[in-house]
Amino acid sequence: MEHKKFTWKHYTLIAVGIVFVIYCCIAVYFSKKFTYGTKINGVDVSNKTVDEVTDIFKKRRTAIR
């Protein structure tokens, strides 16, 4: 049996596939979290879930009253 050598097309396809998998993993991770640099009313909520941010603002609201 002869083994075919990888050409630049194969390597390009492999690289694109790896980049696509990494992109999908990041998209799934940030589908439930705020991205880096996100601020709401001056509060940094980067990498936090909606529930965590809700708790932060509930605590701030009760502290103000």
N, C-alpha and C. Protein backbone atom coordinates (compact mmCIF):
# COMPACT_ATOMS: atom_id res chain seq x y z
N MET A 1 0.83 -1.19 0.00
CA MET A 1 0.00 0.00 0.00
C MET A 1 0.87 1.24 0.00
N GLU A 2 0.47 2.17 -0.80
CA GLU A 2 1.19 3.44 -0.84
C GLU A 2 0.53 4.43 0.10
N HIS A 3 1.36 5.20 0.78
CA HIS A 3 0.86 6.25 1.66
C HIS A 3 0.92 7.57 0.92
N LYS A 4 -0.20 8.27 0.95
CA LYS A 4 -0.23 9.59 0.31
C LYS A 4 0.37 10.61 1.26
N LYS A 5 1.13 11.52 0.71
CA LYS A 5 1.71 12.59 1.51
C LYS A 5 0.69 13.71 1.66
N PHE A 6 0.74 14.37 2.82
CA PHE A 6 -0.11 15.53 3.02
C PHE A 6 0.40 16.67 2.17
N THR A 7 -0.53 17.38 1.56
CA THR A 7 -0.16 18.56 0.78
C THR A 7 -0.55 19.80 1.58
N TRP A 8 -0.26 20.96 1.04
CA TRP A 8 -0.60 22.20 1.74
C TRP A 8 -2.11 22.33 1.93
N LYS A 9 -2.88 21.72 1.03
CA LYS A 9 -4.34 21.76 1.15
C LYS A 9 -4.80 21.00 2.40
N HIS A 10 -4.18 19.87 2.64
CA HIS A 10 -4.52 19.09 3.83
C HIS A 10 -4.19 19.86 5.11
N TYR A 11 -3.01 20.44 5.14
CA TYR A 11 -2.60 21.20 6.33
C TYR A 11 -3.50 22.42 6.54
N THR A 12 -3.89 23.08 5.45
CA THR A 12 -4.79 24.22 5.56
C THR A 12 -6.15 23.79 6.09
N LEU A 13 -6.67 22.69 5.61
CA LEU A 13 -7.95 22.18 6.07
C LEU A 13 -7.89 21.79 7.55
N ILE A 14 -6.82 21.19 7.97
CA ILE A 14 -6.64 20.82 9.38
C ILE A 14 -6.58 22.08 10.24
N ALA A 15 -5.84 23.10 9.81
CA ALA A 15 -5.71 24.35 10.57
C ALA A 15 -7.06 25.06 10.68
N VAL A 16 -7.82 25.10 9.59
CA VAL A 16 -9.14 25.73 9.62
C VAL A 16 -10.07 24.96 10.55
N GLY A 17 -9.99 23.66 10.54
CA GLY A 17 -10.80 22.83 11.42
C GLY A 17 -10.48 23.09 12.89
N ILE A 18 -9.20 23.21 13.22
CA ILE A 18 -8.79 23.48 14.60
C ILE A 18 -9.29 24.86 15.04
N VAL A 19 -9.15 25.86 14.18
CA VAL A 19 -9.62 27.21 14.50
C VAL A 19 -11.14 27.20 14.70
N PHE A 20 -11.85 26.46 13.88
CA PHE A 20 -13.31 26.38 14.00
C PHE A 20 -13.72 25.73 15.32
N VAL A 21 -13.05 24.67 15.72
CA VAL A 21 -13.36 24.00 16.99
C VAL A 21 -13.09 24.94 18.17
N ILE A 22 -11.97 25.66 18.14
CA ILE A 22 -11.65 26.62 19.20
C ILE A 22 -12.71 27.72 19.26
N TYR A 23 -13.11 28.24 18.10
CA TYR A 23 -14.14 29.28 18.04
C TYR A 23 -15.45 28.78 18.64
N CYS A 24 -15.84 27.57 18.31
CA CYS A 24 -17.09 27.00 18.84
C CYS A 24 -17.02 26.85 20.36
N CYS A 25 -15.87 26.42 20.87
CA CYS A 25 -15.72 26.27 22.32
C CYS A 25 -15.85 27.62 23.02
N ILE A 26 -15.24 28.65 22.47
CA ILE A 26 -15.33 29.99 23.06
C ILE A 26 -16.77 30.51 22.97
N ALA A 27 -17.44 30.26 21.86
CA ALA A 27 -18.82 30.71 21.69
C ALA A 27 -19.75 30.05 22.71
N VAL A 28 -19.56 28.76 22.94
CA VAL A 28 -20.38 28.05 23.92
C VAL A 28 -20.09 28.59 25.32
N TYR A 29 -18.82 28.84 25.64
CA TYR A 29 -18.45 29.35 26.96
C TYR A 29 -19.10 30.71 27.22
N PHE A 30 -19.06 31.60 26.24
CA PHE A 30 -19.59 32.95 26.44
C PHE A 30 -21.09 33.05 26.12
N SER A 31 -21.74 31.95 25.81
CA SER A 31 -23.18 32.01 25.58
C SER A 31 -23.93 32.24 26.88
N LYS A 32 -23.30 31.95 28.01
CA LYS A 32 -23.95 32.12 29.31
C LYS A 32 -23.21 33.12 30.20
N LYS A 33 -22.19 33.78 29.67
CA LYS A 33 -21.42 34.74 30.46
C LYS A 33 -21.23 36.02 29.66
N PHE A 34 -20.96 37.11 30.39
CA PHE A 34 -20.63 38.36 29.73
C PHE A 34 -19.18 38.31 29.27
N THR A 35 -18.89 38.95 28.15
CA THR A 35 -17.54 38.94 27.61
C THR A 35 -16.65 39.92 28.38
N TYR A 36 -15.36 39.85 28.09
CA TYR A 36 -14.39 40.70 28.77
C TYR A 36 -14.63 42.17 28.42
N GLY A 37 -14.49 43.03 29.42
CA GLY A 37 -14.64 44.46 29.20
C GLY A 37 -16.06 44.96 29.30
N THR A 38 -17.00 44.09 29.70
CA THR A 38 -18.40 44.50 29.81
C THR A 38 -18.63 45.21 31.14
N LYS A 39 -19.23 46.40 31.06
CA LYS A 39 -19.57 47.17 32.26
C LYS A 39 -21.02 47.58 32.16
N ILE A 40 -21.71 47.49 33.30
CA ILE A 40 -23.10 47.93 33.39
C ILE A 40 -23.16 48.95 34.53
N ASN A 41 -23.54 50.16 34.20
CA ASN A 41 -23.61 51.26 35.18
C ASN A 41 -22.29 51.41 35.94
N GLY A 42 -21.19 51.23 35.24
CA GLY A 42 -19.88 51.40 35.85
C GLY A 42 -19.38 50.19 36.62
N VAL A 43 -20.16 49.12 36.67
CA VAL A 43 -19.76 47.91 37.39
C VAL A 43 -19.22 46.91 36.38
N ASP A 44 -18.02 46.41 36.64
CA ASP A 44 -17.40 45.44 35.75
C ASP A 44 -18.07 44.09 35.94
N VAL A 45 -18.73 43.60 34.89
CA VAL A 45 -19.43 42.31 34.96
C VAL A 45 -18.79 41.29 34.03
N SER A 46 -17.54 41.50 33.69
CA SER A 46 -16.85 40.60 32.79
C SER A 46 -16.80 39.19 33.37
N ASN A 47 -17.06 38.22 32.50
CA ASN A 47 -16.94 36.80 32.83
C ASN A 47 -17.88 36.37 33.96
N LYS A 48 -19.00 37.07 34.11
CA LYS A 48 -19.99 36.71 35.13
C LYS A 48 -21.28 36.26 34.44
N THR A 49 -22.05 35.41 35.11
CA THR A 49 -23.33 34.99 34.57
C THR A 49 -24.40 36.03 34.88
N VAL A 50 -25.55 35.88 34.27
CA VAL A 50 -26.66 36.80 34.50
C VAL A 50 -27.09 36.74 35.96
N ASP A 51 -27.13 35.54 36.54
CA ASP A 51 -27.53 35.40 37.95
C ASP A 51 -26.55 36.12 38.88
N GLU A 52 -25.26 36.01 38.60
CA GLU A 52 -24.27 36.70 39.43
C GLU A 52 -24.44 38.21 39.34
N VAL A 53 -24.69 38.71 38.15
CA VAL A 53 -24.87 40.15 37.96
C VAL A 53 -26.16 40.62 38.64
N THR A 54 -27.20 39.82 38.55
CA THR A 54 -28.45 40.16 39.22
C THR A 54 -28.25 40.26 40.72
N ASP A 55 -27.51 39.33 41.29
CA ASP A 55 -27.22 39.37 42.73
C ASP A 55 -26.42 40.62 43.11
N ILE A 56 -25.45 40.98 42.29
CA ILE A 56 -24.63 42.17 42.55
C ILE A 56 -25.52 43.42 42.61
N PHE A 57 -26.43 43.55 41.64
CA PHE A 57 -27.27 44.75 41.60
C PHE A 57 -28.35 44.72 42.67
N LYS A 58 -28.80 43.55 43.06
CA LYS A 58 -29.75 43.48 44.18
C LYS A 58 -29.07 43.93 45.47
N LYS A 59 -27.82 43.52 45.69
CA LYS A 59 -27.08 43.93 46.88
C LYS A 59 -26.83 45.43 46.85
N ARG A 60 -26.49 45.96 45.68
CA ARG A 60 -26.26 47.41 45.58
C ARG A 60 -27.54 48.18 45.83
N ARG A 61 -28.65 47.65 45.34
CA ARG A 61 -29.93 48.34 45.51
C ARG A 61 -30.34 48.38 46.98
N THR A 62 -30.13 47.27 47.70
CA THR A 62 -30.49 47.26 49.11
C THR A 62 -29.53 48.11 49.94
N ALA A 63 -28.29 48.23 49.49
CA ALA A 63 -27.31 49.05 50.22
C ALA A 63 -27.63 50.55 50.08
N ILE A 64 -28.22 50.91 48.95
CA ILE A 64 -28.55 52.31 48.71
C ILE A 64 -29.73 52.74 49.55
N ARG A 65 -30.67 51.85 49.75
CA ARG A 65 -31.90 52.18 50.50
C ARG A 65 -31.62 52.33 51.93
